[in-house]
C-alpha atoms as a PDB file:
ATOM      1  CA  MET A   1       0.130  -0.063   0.082  1.00  0.00           C
ATOM      2  CA  ILE A   2       3.159   2.635   0.788  1.00  0.00           C
ATOM      3  CA  GLN A   3       4.309   1.721  -3.045  1.00  0.00           C
ATOM      4  CA  ALA A   4       0.611   2.925  -4.179  1.00  0.00           C
ATOM      5  CA  ILE A   5       0.601   5.865  -2.090  1.00  0.00           C
ATOM      6  CA  VAL A   6       4.135   7.027  -2.665  1.00  0.00           C
ATOM      7  CA  LEU A   7       3.895   6.566  -6.472  1.00  0.00           C
ATOM      8  CA  THR A   8       0.470   7.734  -7.156  1.00  0.00           C
ATOM      9  CA  PHE A   9       1.352  10.972  -5.047  1.00  0.00           C
ATOM     10  CA  LEU A  10       4.804  11.765  -7.548  1.00  0.00           C
ATOM     11  CA  ALA A  11       2.461  10.903 -10.344  1.00  0.00           C
ATOM     12  CA  GLY A  12       0.070  13.587  -9.418  1.00  0.00           C
ATOM     13  CA  LEU A  13       2.800  16.156  -9.099  1.00  0.00           C
ATOM     14  CA  MET A  14       4.646  15.177 -12.127  1.00  0.00           C
ATOM     15  CA  GLY A  15       1.632  15.159 -14.439  1.00  0.00           C
ATOM     16  CA  THR A  16       0.153  18.049 -13.102  1.00  0.00           C
ATOM     17  CA  ASN A  17       3.491  19.712 -13.514  1.00  0.00           C
ATOM     18  CA  GLY A  18       3.728  18.917 -17.049  1.00  0.00           C
ATOM     19  CA  ILE A  19       0.802  20.768 -17.970  1.00  0.00           C
ATOM     20  CA  PRO A  20       1.872  24.328 -17.832  1.00  0.00           C
ATOM     21  CA  HIS A  21       4.905  23.463 -19.540  1.00  0.00           C
ATOM     22  CA  PHE A  22       3.029  21.610 -22.165  1.00  0.00           C
ATOM     23  CA  VAL A  23       0.725  24.443 -22.698  1.00  0.00           C
ATOM     24  CA  GLN A  24       2.913  27.037 -22.758  1.00  0.00           C
ATOM     25  CA  GLY A  25       5.080  25.335 -24.781  1.00  0.00           C
ATOM     26  CA  ILE A  26       2.635  24.309 -27.435  1.00  0.00           C
ATOM     27  CA  SER A  27       1.369  28.326 -27.222  1.00  0.00           C
ATOM     28  CA  ALA A  28       4.908  29.319 -28.265  1.00  0.00           C
ATOM     29  CA  ARG A  29       5.494  30.947 -24.888  1.00  0.00           C
ATOM     30  CA  GLU A  30       8.654  30.958 -22.810  1.00  0.00           C
ATOM     31  CA  TYR A  31       8.057  29.794 -19.111  1.00  0.00           C
ATOM     32  CA  PRO A  32      10.598  28.538 -16.729  1.00  0.00           C
ATOM     33  CA  ASN A  33      12.064  25.483 -16.883  1.00  0.00           C
ATOM     34  CA  LEU A  34      15.161  23.424 -15.690  1.00  0.00           C
ATOM     35  CA  THR A  35      16.716  22.876 -19.325  1.00  0.00           C
ATOM     36  CA  GLY A  36      15.872  26.588 -20.511  1.00  0.00           C
ATOM     37  CA  ASN A  37      12.819  28.678 -21.102  1.00  0.00           C
ATOM     38  CA  SER A  38      12.010  27.845 -24.761  1.00  0.00           C
ATOM     39  CA  PRO A  39       8.595  26.829 -25.939  1.00  0.00           C
ATOM     40  CA  THR A  40      10.037  23.668 -27.438  1.00  0.00           C
ATOM     41  CA  ARG A  41      11.903  22.665 -24.603  1.00  0.00           C
ATOM     42  CA  ASN A  42       8.843  23.261 -22.474  1.00  0.00           C
ATOM     43  CA  ALA A  43       6.675  21.206 -24.521  1.00  0.00           C
ATOM     44  CA  VAL A  44       8.851  18.264 -24.811  1.00  0.00           C
ATOM     45  CA  GLY A  45       9.600  18.224 -20.659  1.00  0.00           C
ATOM     46  CA  GLY A  46       5.253  18.569 -20.572  1.00  0.00           C
ATOM     47  CA  LEU A  47       5.298  15.382 -22.613  1.00  0.00           C
ATOM     48  CA  GLY A  48       8.227  13.985 -20.388  1.00  0.00           C
ATOM     49  CA  ALA A  49       6.592  14.753 -17.485  1.00  0.00           C
ATOM     50  CA  PHE A  50       3.420  12.775 -18.383  1.00  0.00           C
ATOM     51  CA  ALA A  51       5.161  10.309 -19.561  1.00  0.00           C
ATOM     52  CA  ILE A  52       6.549   9.795 -16.185  1.00  0.00           C
ATOM     53  CA  ALA A  53       3.251  10.237 -14.513  1.00  0.00           C
ATOM     54  CA  GLY A  54       2.264   7.675 -16.366  1.00  0.00           C
ATOM     55  CA  ALA A  55       4.904   5.470 -15.578  1.00  0.00           C
ATOM     56  CA  LEU A  56       4.641   6.100 -11.849  1.00  0.00           C
ATOM     57  CA  THR A  57       1.082   5.293 -12.044  1.00  0.00           C
ATOM     58  CA  ALA A  58       1.499   1.802 -13.929  1.00  0.00           C
ATOM     59  CA  TRP A  59       4.363   0.876 -11.291  1.00  0.00           C
ATOM     60  CA  ALA A  60       2.147   1.934  -8.510  1.00  0.00           C
ATOM     61  CA  HIS A  61      -0.507  -0.926  -9.012  1.00  0.00           C
ATOM     62  CA  VAL A  62      -3.173   0.994  -8.270  1.00  0.00           C
ATOM     63  CA  GLY A  63      -5.854  -1.706  -8.658  1.00  0.00           C
ATOM     64  CA  ALA A  64      -4.692  -3.332  -5.161  1.00  0.00           C
ATOM     65  CA  HIS A  65      -5.390   0.176  -2.954  1.00  0.00           C
ATOM     66  CA  PRO A  66      -7.437   2.132  -5.446  1.00  0.00           C
ATOM     67  CA  TRP A  67      -8.755   4.739  -2.764  1.00  0.00           C
ATOM     68  CA  ALA A  68      -5.200   5.378  -0.997  1.00  0.00           C
ATOM     69  CA  ALA A  69      -4.065   5.800  -4.641  1.00  0.00           C
ATOM     70  CA  LEU A  70      -6.771   8.198  -5.447  1.00  0.00           C
ATOM     71  CA  ILE A  71      -6.262  10.405  -2.416  1.00  0.00           C
ATOM     72  CA  ALA A  72      -2.428  10.182  -2.864  1.00  0.00           C
ATOM     73  CA  ALA A  73      -3.034  11.474  -6.251  1.00  0.00           C
ATOM     74  CA  ALA A  74      -5.226  13.862  -5.656  1.00  0.00           C
ATOM     75  CA  VAL A  75      -2.773  15.418  -2.928  1.00  0.00           C
ATOM     76  CA  GLY A  76      -0.032  15.602  -5.455  1.00  0.00           C
ATOM     77  CA  ILE A  77      -2.127  17.015  -7.524  1.00  0.00           C
ATOM     78  CA  LEU A  78      -3.145  19.884  -4.794  1.00  0.00           C
ATOM     79  CA  ALA A  79       0.196  20.411  -3.853  1.00  0.00           C
ATOM     80  CA  MET A  80       1.298  21.471  -7.552  1.00  0.00           C
ATOM     81  CA  THR A  81      -1.701  23.349  -8.384  1.00  0.00           C
ATOM     82  CA  VAL A  82      -0.953  25.673  -5.426  1.00  0.00           C
ATOM     83  CA  PHE A  83       2.716  25.534  -6.042  1.00  0.00           C
ATOM     84  CA  HIS A  84       2.134  26.748  -9.983  1.00  0.00           C
ATOM     85  CA  ALA A  85      -0.459  29.292  -8.866  1.00  0.00           C
ATOM     86  CA  GLN A  86       1.771  30.998  -6.620  1.00  0.00           C
ATOM     87  CA  ARG A  87       4.056  31.311  -9.149  1.00  0.00           C
ATOM     88  CA  GLY A  88       6.599  28.635  -8.008  1.00  0.00           C
ATOM     89  CA  ALA A  89       8.564  28.164 -11.089  1.00  0.00           C
ATOM     90  CA  TYR A  90       9.393  31.867 -11.448  1.00  0.00           C
ATOM     91  CA  ARG A  91      10.258  32.172  -7.666  1.00  0.00           C
ATOM     92  CA  LEU A  92      12.537  29.064  -8.060  1.00  0.00           C
ATOM     93  CA  SER A  93      14.191  30.195 -11.077  1.00  0.00           C
ATOM     94  CA  ALA A  94      14.847  33.576  -9.590  1.00  0.00           C
ATOM     95  CA  ARG A  95      16.202  31.601  -6.212  1.00  0.00           C
ATOM     96  CA  PHE A  96      18.685  29.774  -7.872  1.00  0.00           C
ATOM     97  CA  GLY A  97      19.995  32.412 -10.317  1.00  0.00           C
ATOM     98  CA  LYS A  98      18.126  30.865 -13.556  1.00  0.00           C
ATOM     99  CA  PRO A  99      17.128  33.583 -16.367  1.00  0.00           C
ATOM    100  CA  LEU A 100      13.207  34.455 -16.288  1.00  0.00           C
ATOM    101  CA  PRO A 101      11.592  34.072 -19.876  1.00  0.00           C
ATOM    102  CA  SER A 102      11.385  37.402 -21.383  1.00  0.00           C
ATOM    103  CA  VAL A 103       7.648  38.750 -21.479  1.00  0.00           C
END
């Protein structure tokens, strides 16, 4: 059960983190990203986050503990939603000296 909880929590984080990167990337807009702020890097990074989230969900064996997995994923989704809503990607980039996207 611990495996299902941890992996689906991480899947919720990764999948939700992929959304703004993917959307900004396919909209041809820069967004803070560890690999660079370009739209292409963000689109590819978003797709990578979706793939990682899918793999984590598959490894979690959700069927054995569906309610625990659902709650853990929801908590991960909520945590990443709050992070991005509070402009966390911009704050982290500034904190670590990374260049901010040009507006």
